[in-house]
Amino acid sequence: MSKKENVIQMDIYKIKRDEKKLLKENKTSLEETYLINEFSENKTTLNKKIITIRKEIDEIRHLLKKLM
């Protein structure tokens, strides 16, 4: 191979390497985004359940007061 061909081959190698690195970073970023969204949804669901439980507890307290 000539010197030019070697340089071109090296450039191709570097481009492919960089492409793989970027794809891996992008995949990681997407996974992180997914996990953040999932956590946020779980947090919202838990908060709704907590509110429901608090309302039920208040109802029970109210009924207990009526009984006494």
Protein backbone atom coordinates (compact mmCIF):
# COMPACT_ATOMS: atom_id res chain seq x y z
CA MET A 1 0.00 0.00 0.00
CA SER A 2 1.12 3.51 -0.68
CA LYS A 3 1.41 6.11 1.99
CA LYS A 4 -1.82 7.77 0.82
CA GLU A 5 -3.70 4.47 1.03
CA ASN A 6 -2.39 3.90 4.54
CA VAL A 7 -3.52 7.36 5.59
CA ILE A 8 -6.95 6.77 4.06
CA GLN A 9 -7.24 3.38 5.79
CA MET A 10 -6.26 4.97 9.08
CA ASP A 11 -8.84 7.71 8.60
CA ILE A 12 -11.52 5.12 7.84
CA TYR A 13 -10.55 3.21 10.98
CA LYS A 14 -10.75 6.37 13.10
CA ILE A 15 -14.13 7.31 11.66
CA LYS A 16 -15.54 3.84 12.36
CA ARG A 17 -14.08 3.89 15.87
CA ASP A 18 -15.58 7.31 16.56
CA GLU A 19 -18.90 6.19 15.13
CA LYS A 20 -18.99 3.18 17.47
CA LYS A 21 -18.12 5.40 20.41
CA LEU A 22 -20.89 7.87 19.55
CA LEU A 23 -23.42 5.07 19.08
CA LYS A 24 -22.49 3.63 22.46
CA GLU A 25 -22.79 7.04 24.13
CA ASN A 26 -26.14 7.63 22.45
CA LYS A 27 -27.42 4.24 23.60
CA THR A 28 -26.30 5.00 27.15
CA SER A 29 -27.96 8.38 27.00
CA LEU A 30 -31.21 6.83 25.77
CA GLU A 31 -31.10 4.23 28.53
CA GLU A 32 -30.53 6.94 31.12
CA THR A 33 -33.43 8.97 29.74
CA TYR A 34 -35.66 5.90 29.84
CA LEU A 35 -34.71 5.19 33.45
CA ILE A 36 -35.30 8.81 34.46
CA ASN A 37 -38.73 8.75 32.81
CA GLU A 38 -39.59 5.44 34.40
CA PHE A 39 -38.53 6.72 37.82
CA SER A 40 -40.61 9.84 37.33
CA GLU A 41 -43.67 7.79 36.40
CA ASN A 42 -43.16 5.51 39.40
CA LYS A 43 -42.78 8.52 41.66
CA THR A 44 -46.01 10.01 40.31
CA THR A 45 -47.85 6.72 40.80
CA LEU A 46 -46.56 6.41 44.35
CA ASN A 47 -47.57 9.97 45.16
CA LYS A 48 -51.09 9.28 43.90
CA LYS A 49 -51.28 6.14 46.03
CA ILE A 50 -50.06 8.06 49.08
CA ILE A 51 -52.75 10.69 48.54
CA THR A 52 -55.40 7.97 48.22
CA ILE A 53 -54.21 6.25 51.41
CA ARG A 54 -54.22 9.55 53.31
CA LYS A 55 -57.80 10.20 52.20
CA GLU A 56 -58.80 6.72 53.33
CA ILE A 57 -57.14 7.26 56.69
CA ASP A 58 -59.00 10.55 57.09
CA GLU A 59 -62.27 8.80 56.26
CA ILE A 60 -61.56 6.10 58.85
CA ARG A 61 -60.74 8.75 61.47
CA HIS A 62 -63.93 10.57 60.69
CA LEU A 63 -65.98 7.38 60.99
CA LEU A 64 -64.26 6.48 64.26
CA LYS A 65 -65.12 9.90 65.67
CA LYS A 66 -68.75 9.36 64.72
CA LEU A 67 -68.76 6.01 66.50
CA MET A 68 -67.37 7.44 69.70
